[in-house]
Amino acid sequence: MSDLFTALALVLVIEGALYALFPEAMQRMMAQALEMPPTMLRNGGLVAAVIGFAVIWFIKS
């Protein structure tokens, strides 16, 4: 369970750093995301989740 909390904390650190270091770029990225069709965002999220799962799988095995 501590691995889960560590992973969530790391996500917060990375996202927080991106917003702190590049606020204008993050605003542009969010504006572009609003213009994208939901299916494209869904597919991108699924691809990212599968890649993340595979990386964890290889690290843990």
PDB file of N, CA and C in Angstrom:
ATOM      1  N   MET A   1       0.824  -1.194   0.000  1.00  0.00           N
ATOM      2  CA  MET A   1       0.000   0.000   0.000  1.00  0.00           C
ATOM      3  C   MET A   1       0.868   1.257   0.000  1.00  0.00           C
ATOM      4  N   SER A   2       2.032   1.173   0.621  1.00  0.00           N
ATOM      5  CA  SER A   2       2.907   2.353   0.643  1.00  0.00           C
ATOM      6  C   SER A   2       3.433   2.662  -0.753  1.00  0.00           C
ATOM      7  N   ASP A   3       3.569   1.623  -1.615  1.00  0.00           N
ATOM      8  CA  ASP A   3       3.987   1.877  -2.995  1.00  0.00           C
ATOM      9  C   ASP A   3       2.955   2.718  -3.730  1.00  0.00           C
ATOM     10  N   LEU A   4       1.682   2.460  -3.484  1.00  0.00           N
ATOM     11  CA  LEU A   4       0.612   3.232  -4.115  1.00  0.00           C
ATOM     12  C   LEU A   4       0.689   4.691  -3.699  1.00  0.00           C
ATOM     13  N   PHE A   5       0.849   4.931  -2.389  1.00  0.00           N
ATOM     14  CA  PHE A   5       0.934   6.308  -1.907  1.00  0.00           C
ATOM     15  C   PHE A   5       2.198   7.000  -2.410  1.00  0.00           C
ATOM     16  N   THR A   6       3.276   6.265  -2.524  1.00  0.00           N
ATOM     17  CA  THR A   6       4.511   6.830  -3.067  1.00  0.00           C
ATOM     18  C   THR A   6       4.313   7.223  -4.526  1.00  0.00           C
ATOM     19  N   ALA A   7       3.648   6.369  -5.289  1.00  0.00           N
ATOM     20  CA  ALA A   7       3.396   6.667  -6.701  1.00  0.00           C
ATOM     21  C   ALA A   7       2.491   7.887  -6.847  1.00  0.00           C
ATOM     22  N   LEU A   8       1.448   7.970  -6.045  1.00  0.00           N
ATOM     23  CA  LEU A   8       0.551   9.125  -6.107  1.00  0.00           C
ATOM     24  C   LEU A   8       1.276  10.407  -5.713  1.00  0.00           C
ATOM     25  N   ALA A   9       2.122  10.328  -4.701  1.00  0.00           N
ATOM     26  CA  ALA A   9       2.893  11.501  -4.294  1.00  0.00           C
ATOM     27  C   ALA A   9       3.846  11.935  -5.396  1.00  0.00           C
ATOM     28  N   LEU A  10       4.450  10.970  -6.078  1.00  0.00           N
ATOM     29  CA  LEU A  10       5.359  11.299  -7.176  1.00  0.00           C
ATOM     30  C   LEU A  10       4.612  11.980  -8.321  1.00  0.00           C
ATOM     31  N   VAL A  11       3.402  11.533  -8.606  1.00  0.00           N
ATOM     32  CA  VAL A  11       2.580  12.201  -9.623  1.00  0.00           C
ATOM     33  C   VAL A  11       2.346  13.651  -9.230  1.00  0.00           C
ATOM     34  N   LEU A  12       2.016  13.892  -7.972  1.00  0.00           N
ATOM     35  CA  LEU A  12       1.792  15.258  -7.509  1.00  0.00           C
ATOM     36  C   LEU A  12       3.056  16.107  -7.616  1.00  0.00           C
ATOM     37  N   VAL A  13       4.196  15.535  -7.288  1.00  0.00           N
ATOM     38  CA  VAL A  13       5.463  16.275  -7.383  1.00  0.00           C
ATOM     39  C   VAL A  13       5.739  16.656  -8.840  1.00  0.00           C
ATOM     40  N   ILE A  14       5.584  15.704  -9.746  1.00  0.00           N
ATOM     41  CA  ILE A  14       5.879  15.963 -11.157  1.00  0.00           C
ATOM     42  C   ILE A  14       4.898  16.988 -11.730  1.00  0.00           C
ATOM     43  N   GLU A  15       3.604  16.810 -11.473  1.00  0.00           N
ATOM     44  CA  GLU A  15       2.626  17.758 -11.993  1.00  0.00           C
ATOM     45  C   GLU A  15       2.818  19.135 -11.377  1.00  0.00           C
ATOM     46  N   GLY A  16       3.057  19.178 -10.090  1.00  0.00           N
ATOM     47  CA  GLY A  16       3.278  20.465  -9.440  1.00  0.00           C
ATOM     48  C   GLY A  16       4.490  21.192 -10.002  1.00  0.00           C
ATOM     49  N   ALA A  17       5.556  20.447 -10.266  1.00  0.00           N
ATOM     50  CA  ALA A  17       6.760  21.055 -10.837  1.00  0.00           C
ATOM     51  C   ALA A  17       6.476  21.596 -12.235  1.00  0.00           C
ATOM     52  N   LEU A  18       5.718  20.843 -13.026  1.00  0.00           N
ATOM     53  CA  LEU A  18       5.398  21.313 -14.382  1.00  0.00           C
ATOM     54  C   LEU A  18       4.588  22.607 -14.345  1.00  0.00           C
ATOM     55  N   TYR A  19       3.580  22.666 -13.468  1.00  0.00           N
ATOM     56  CA  TYR A  19       2.771  23.890 -13.356  1.00  0.00           C
ATOM     57  C   TYR A  19       3.587  25.047 -12.803  1.00  0.00           C
ATOM     58  N   ALA A  20       4.502  24.780 -11.888  1.00  0.00           N
ATOM     59  CA  ALA A  20       5.313  25.845 -11.302  1.00  0.00           C
ATOM     60  C   ALA A  20       6.357  26.365 -12.284  1.00  0.00           C
ATOM     61  N   LEU A  21       6.960  25.467 -13.062  1.00  0.00           N
ATOM     62  CA  LEU A  21       8.030  25.869 -13.971  1.00  0.00           C
ATOM     63  C   LEU A  21       7.530  26.393 -15.312  1.00  0.00           C
ATOM     64  N   PHE A  22       6.408  25.854 -15.788  1.00  0.00           N
ATOM     65  CA  PHE A  22       5.922  26.210 -17.130  1.00  0.00           C
ATOM     66  C   PHE A  22       4.421  26.518 -17.114  1.00  0.00           C
ATOM     67  N   PRO A  23       3.988  27.548 -16.382  1.00  0.00           N
ATOM     68  CA  PRO A  23       2.546  27.793 -16.274  1.00  0.00           C
ATOM     69  C   PRO A  23       1.885  28.148 -17.614  1.00  0.00           C
ATOM     70  N   GLU A  24       2.562  28.939 -18.440  1.00  0.00           N
ATOM     71  CA  GLU A  24       1.965  29.323 -19.722  1.00  0.00           C
ATOM     72  C   GLU A  24       1.838  28.114 -20.650  1.00  0.00           C
ATOM     73  N   ALA A  25       2.855  27.268 -20.669  1.00  0.00           N
ATOM     74  CA  ALA A  25       2.794  26.076 -21.509  1.00  0.00           C
ATOM     75  C   ALA A  25       1.686  25.138 -21.052  1.00  0.00           C
ATOM     76  N   MET A  26       1.499  25.025 -19.741  1.00  0.00           N
ATOM     77  CA  MET A  26       0.440  24.167 -19.230  1.00  0.00           C
ATOM     78  C   MET A  26      -0.941  24.730 -19.588  1.00  0.00           C
ATOM     79  N   GLN A  27      -1.082  26.051 -19.575  1.00  0.00           N
ATOM     80  CA  GLN A  27      -2.349  26.657 -19.981  1.00  0.00           C
ATOM     81  C   GLN A  27      -2.625  26.390 -21.465  1.00  0.00           C
ATOM     82  N   ARG A  28      -1.590  26.505 -22.294  1.00  0.00           N
ATOM     83  CA  ARG A  28      -1.766  26.209 -23.723  1.00  0.00           C
ATOM     84  C   ARG A  28      -2.144  24.752 -23.932  1.00  0.00           C
ATOM     85  N   MET A  29      -1.500  23.865 -23.178  1.00  0.00           N
ATOM     86  CA  MET A  29      -1.798  22.444 -23.307  1.00  0.00           C
ATOM     87  C   MET A  29      -3.251  22.154 -22.902  1.00  0.00           C
ATOM     88  N   MET A  30      -3.718  22.794 -21.826  1.00  0.00           N
ATOM     89  CA  MET A  30      -5.103  22.589 -21.391  1.00  0.00           C
ATOM     90  C   MET A  30      -6.084  23.122 -22.428  1.00  0.00           C
ATOM     91  N   ALA A  31      -5.763  24.267 -23.042  1.00  0.00           N
ATOM     92  CA  ALA A  31      -6.632  24.824 -24.082  1.00  0.00           C
ATOM     93  C   ALA A  31      -6.690  23.875 -25.283  1.00  0.00           C
ATOM     94  N   GLN A  32      -5.558  23.292 -25.639  1.00  0.00           N
ATOM     95  CA  GLN A  32      -5.544  22.333 -26.743  1.00  0.00           C
ATOM     96  C   GLN A  32      -6.352  21.088 -26.381  1.00  0.00           C
ATOM     97  N   ALA A  33      -6.273  20.649 -25.145  1.00  0.00           N
ATOM     98  CA  ALA A  33      -7.027  19.467 -24.711  1.00  0.00           C
ATOM     99  C   ALA A  33      -8.528  19.728 -24.799  1.00  0.00           C
ATOM    100  N   LEU A  34      -8.957  20.954 -24.505  1.00  0.00           N
ATOM    101  CA  LEU A  34     -10.380  21.282 -24.605  1.00  0.00           C
ATOM    102  C   LEU A  34     -10.885  21.214 -26.038  1.00  0.00           C
ATOM    103  N   GLU A  35     -10.009  21.438 -27.004  1.00  0.00           N
ATOM    104  CA  GLU A  35     -10.395  21.409 -28.412  1.00  0.00           C
ATOM    105  C   GLU A  35     -10.372  19.996 -29.005  1.00  0.00           C
ATOM    106  N   MET A  36      -9.755  19.049 -28.313  1.00  0.00           N
ATOM    107  CA  MET A  36      -9.642  17.686 -28.824  1.00  0.00           C
ATOM    108  C   MET A  36     -10.947  16.929 -28.608  1.00  0.00           C
ATOM    109  N   PRO A  37     -11.264  16.016 -29.517  1.00  0.00           N
ATOM    110  CA  PRO A  37     -12.454  15.182 -29.294  1.00  0.00           C
ATOM    111  C   PRO A  37     -12.229  14.231 -28.115  1.00  0.00           C
ATOM    112  N   PRO A  38     -13.292  13.939 -27.366  1.00  0.00           N
ATOM    113  CA  PRO A  38     -13.158  13.067 -26.197  1.00  0.00           C
ATOM    114  C   PRO A  38     -12.560  11.694 -26.521  1.00  0.00           C
ATOM    115  N   THR A  39     -12.853  11.165 -27.684  1.00  0.00           N
ATOM    116  CA  THR A  39     -12.302   9.842 -28.020  1.00  0.00           C
ATOM    117  C   THR A  39     -10.784   9.885 -28.131  1.00  0.00           C
ATOM    118  N   MET A  40     -10.242  10.985 -28.625  1.00  0.00           N
ATOM    119  CA  MET A  40      -8.789  11.102 -28.733  1.00  0.00           C
ATOM    120  C   MET A  40      -8.158  11.178 -27.339  1.00  0.00           C
ATOM    121  N   LEU A  41      -8.782  11.930 -26.442  1.00  0.00           N
ATOM    122  CA  LEU A  41      -8.278  12.007 -25.069  1.00  0.00           C
ATOM    123  C   LEU A  41      -8.381  10.648 -24.378  1.00  0.00           C
ATOM    124  N   ARG A  42      -9.497   9.962 -24.603  1.00  0.00           N
ATOM    125  CA  ARG A  42      -9.689   8.639 -23.998  1.00  0.00           C
ATOM    126  C   ARG A  42      -8.636   7.662 -24.503  1.00  0.00           C
ATOM    127  N   ASN A  43      -8.412   7.648 -25.814  1.00  0.00           N
ATOM    128  CA  ASN A  43      -7.411   6.743 -26.382  1.00  0.00           C
ATOM    129  C   ASN A  43      -6.012   7.072 -25.872  1.00  0.00           C
ATOM    130  N   GLY A  44      -5.688   8.344 -25.789  1.00  0.00           N
ATOM    131  CA  GLY A  44      -4.386   8.740 -25.252  1.00  0.00           C
ATOM    132  C   GLY A  44      -4.224   8.320 -23.806  1.00  0.00           C
ATOM    133  N   GLY A  45      -5.292   8.457 -23.014  1.00  0.00           N
ATOM    134  CA  GLY A  45      -5.246   8.028 -21.626  1.00  0.00           C
ATOM    135  C   GLY A  45      -5.069   6.524 -21.493  1.00  0.00           C
ATOM    136  N   LEU A  46      -5.759   5.769 -22.356  1.00  0.00           N
ATOM    137  CA  LEU A  46      -5.612   4.315 -22.328  1.00  0.00           C
ATOM    138  C   LEU A  46      -4.204   3.883 -22.712  1.00  0.00           C
ATOM    139  N   VAL A  47      -3.643   4.526 -23.727  1.00  0.00           N
ATOM    140  CA  VAL A  47      -2.269   4.204 -24.141  1.00  0.00           C
ATOM    141  C   VAL A  47      -1.298   4.506 -23.005  1.00  0.00           C
ATOM    142  N   ALA A  48      -1.460   5.655 -22.361  1.00  0.00           N
ATOM    143  CA  ALA A  48      -0.574   6.025 -21.251  1.00  0.00           C
ATOM    144  C   ALA A  48      -0.716   5.039 -20.098  1.00  0.00           C
ATOM    145  N   ALA A  49      -1.947   4.619 -19.806  1.00  0.00           N
ATOM    146  CA  ALA A  49      -2.163   3.668 -18.712  1.00  0.00           C
ATOM    147  C   ALA A  49      -1.519   2.319 -19.019  1.00  0.00           C
ATOM    148  N   VAL A  50      -1.651   1.850 -20.264  1.00  0.00           N
ATOM    149  CA  VAL A  50      -1.058   0.562 -20.641  1.00  0.00           C
ATOM    150  C   VAL A  50       0.468   0.637 -20.577  1.00  0.00           C
ATOM    151  N   ILE A  51       1.029   1.725 -21.074  1.00  0.00           N
ATOM    152  CA  ILE A  51       2.484   1.889 -21.017  1.00  0.00           C
ATOM    153  C   ILE A  51       2.951   1.937 -19.562  1.00  0.00           C
ATOM    154  N   GLY A  52       2.247   2.688 -18.721  1.00  0.00           N
ATOM    155  CA  GLY A  52       2.606   2.757 -17.309  1.00  0.00           C
ATOM    156  C   GLY A  52       2.507   1.406 -16.633  1.00  0.00           C
ATOM    157  N   PHE A  53       1.452   0.655 -16.940  1.00  0.00           N
ATOM    158  CA  PHE A  53       1.300  -0.700 -16.379  1.00  0.00           C
ATOM    159  C   PHE A  53       2.458  -1.591 -16.821  1.00  0.00           C
ATOM    160  N   ALA A  54       2.826  -1.494 -18.100  1.00  0.00           N
ATOM    161  CA  ALA A  54       3.913  -2.332 -18.611  1.00  0.00           C
ATOM    162  C   ALA A  54       5.240  -1.973 -17.934  1.00  0.00           C
ATOM    163  N   VAL A  55       5.492  -0.701 -17.736  1.00  0.00           N
ATOM    164  CA  VAL A  55       6.738  -0.286 -17.074  1.00  0.00           C
ATOM    165  C   VAL A  55       6.769  -0.830 -15.655  1.00  0.00           C
ATOM    166  N   ILE A  56       5.653  -0.704 -14.927  1.00  0.00           N
ATOM    167  CA  ILE A  56       5.605  -1.239 -13.566  1.00  0.00           C
ATOM    168  C   ILE A  56       5.797  -2.750 -13.572  1.00  0.00           C
ATOM    169  N   TRP A  57       5.160  -3.426 -14.523  1.00  0.00           N
ATOM    170  CA  TRP A  57       5.267  -4.881 -14.639  1.00  0.00           C
ATOM    171  C   TRP A  57       6.732  -5.300 -14.798  1.00  0.00           C
ATOM    172  N   PHE A  58       7.457  -4.614 -15.712  1.00  0.00           N
ATOM    173  CA  PHE A  58       8.854  -4.966 -15.956  1.00  0.00           C
ATOM    174  C   PHE A  58       9.736  -4.626 -14.763  1.00  0.00           C
ATOM    175  N   ILE A  59       9.446  -3.536 -14.074  1.00  0.00           N
ATOM    176  CA  ILE A  59      10.247  -3.163 -12.907  1.00  0.00           C
ATOM    177  C   ILE A  59      10.045  -4.164 -11.772  1.00  0.00           C
ATOM    178  N   LYS A  60       8.812  -4.579 -11.557  1.00  0.00           N
ATOM    179  CA  LYS A  60       8.491  -5.453 -10.437  1.00  0.00           C
ATOM    180  C   LYS A  60       8.866  -6.919 -10.708  1.00  0.00           C
ATOM    181  N   SER A  61       9.018  -7.306 -11.981  1.00  0.00           N
ATOM    182  CA  SER A  61       9.331  -8.722 -12.252  1.00  0.00           C
ATOM    183  C   SER A  61      10.825  -8.964 -12.376  1.00  0.00           C
TER     184      SER A  61
END
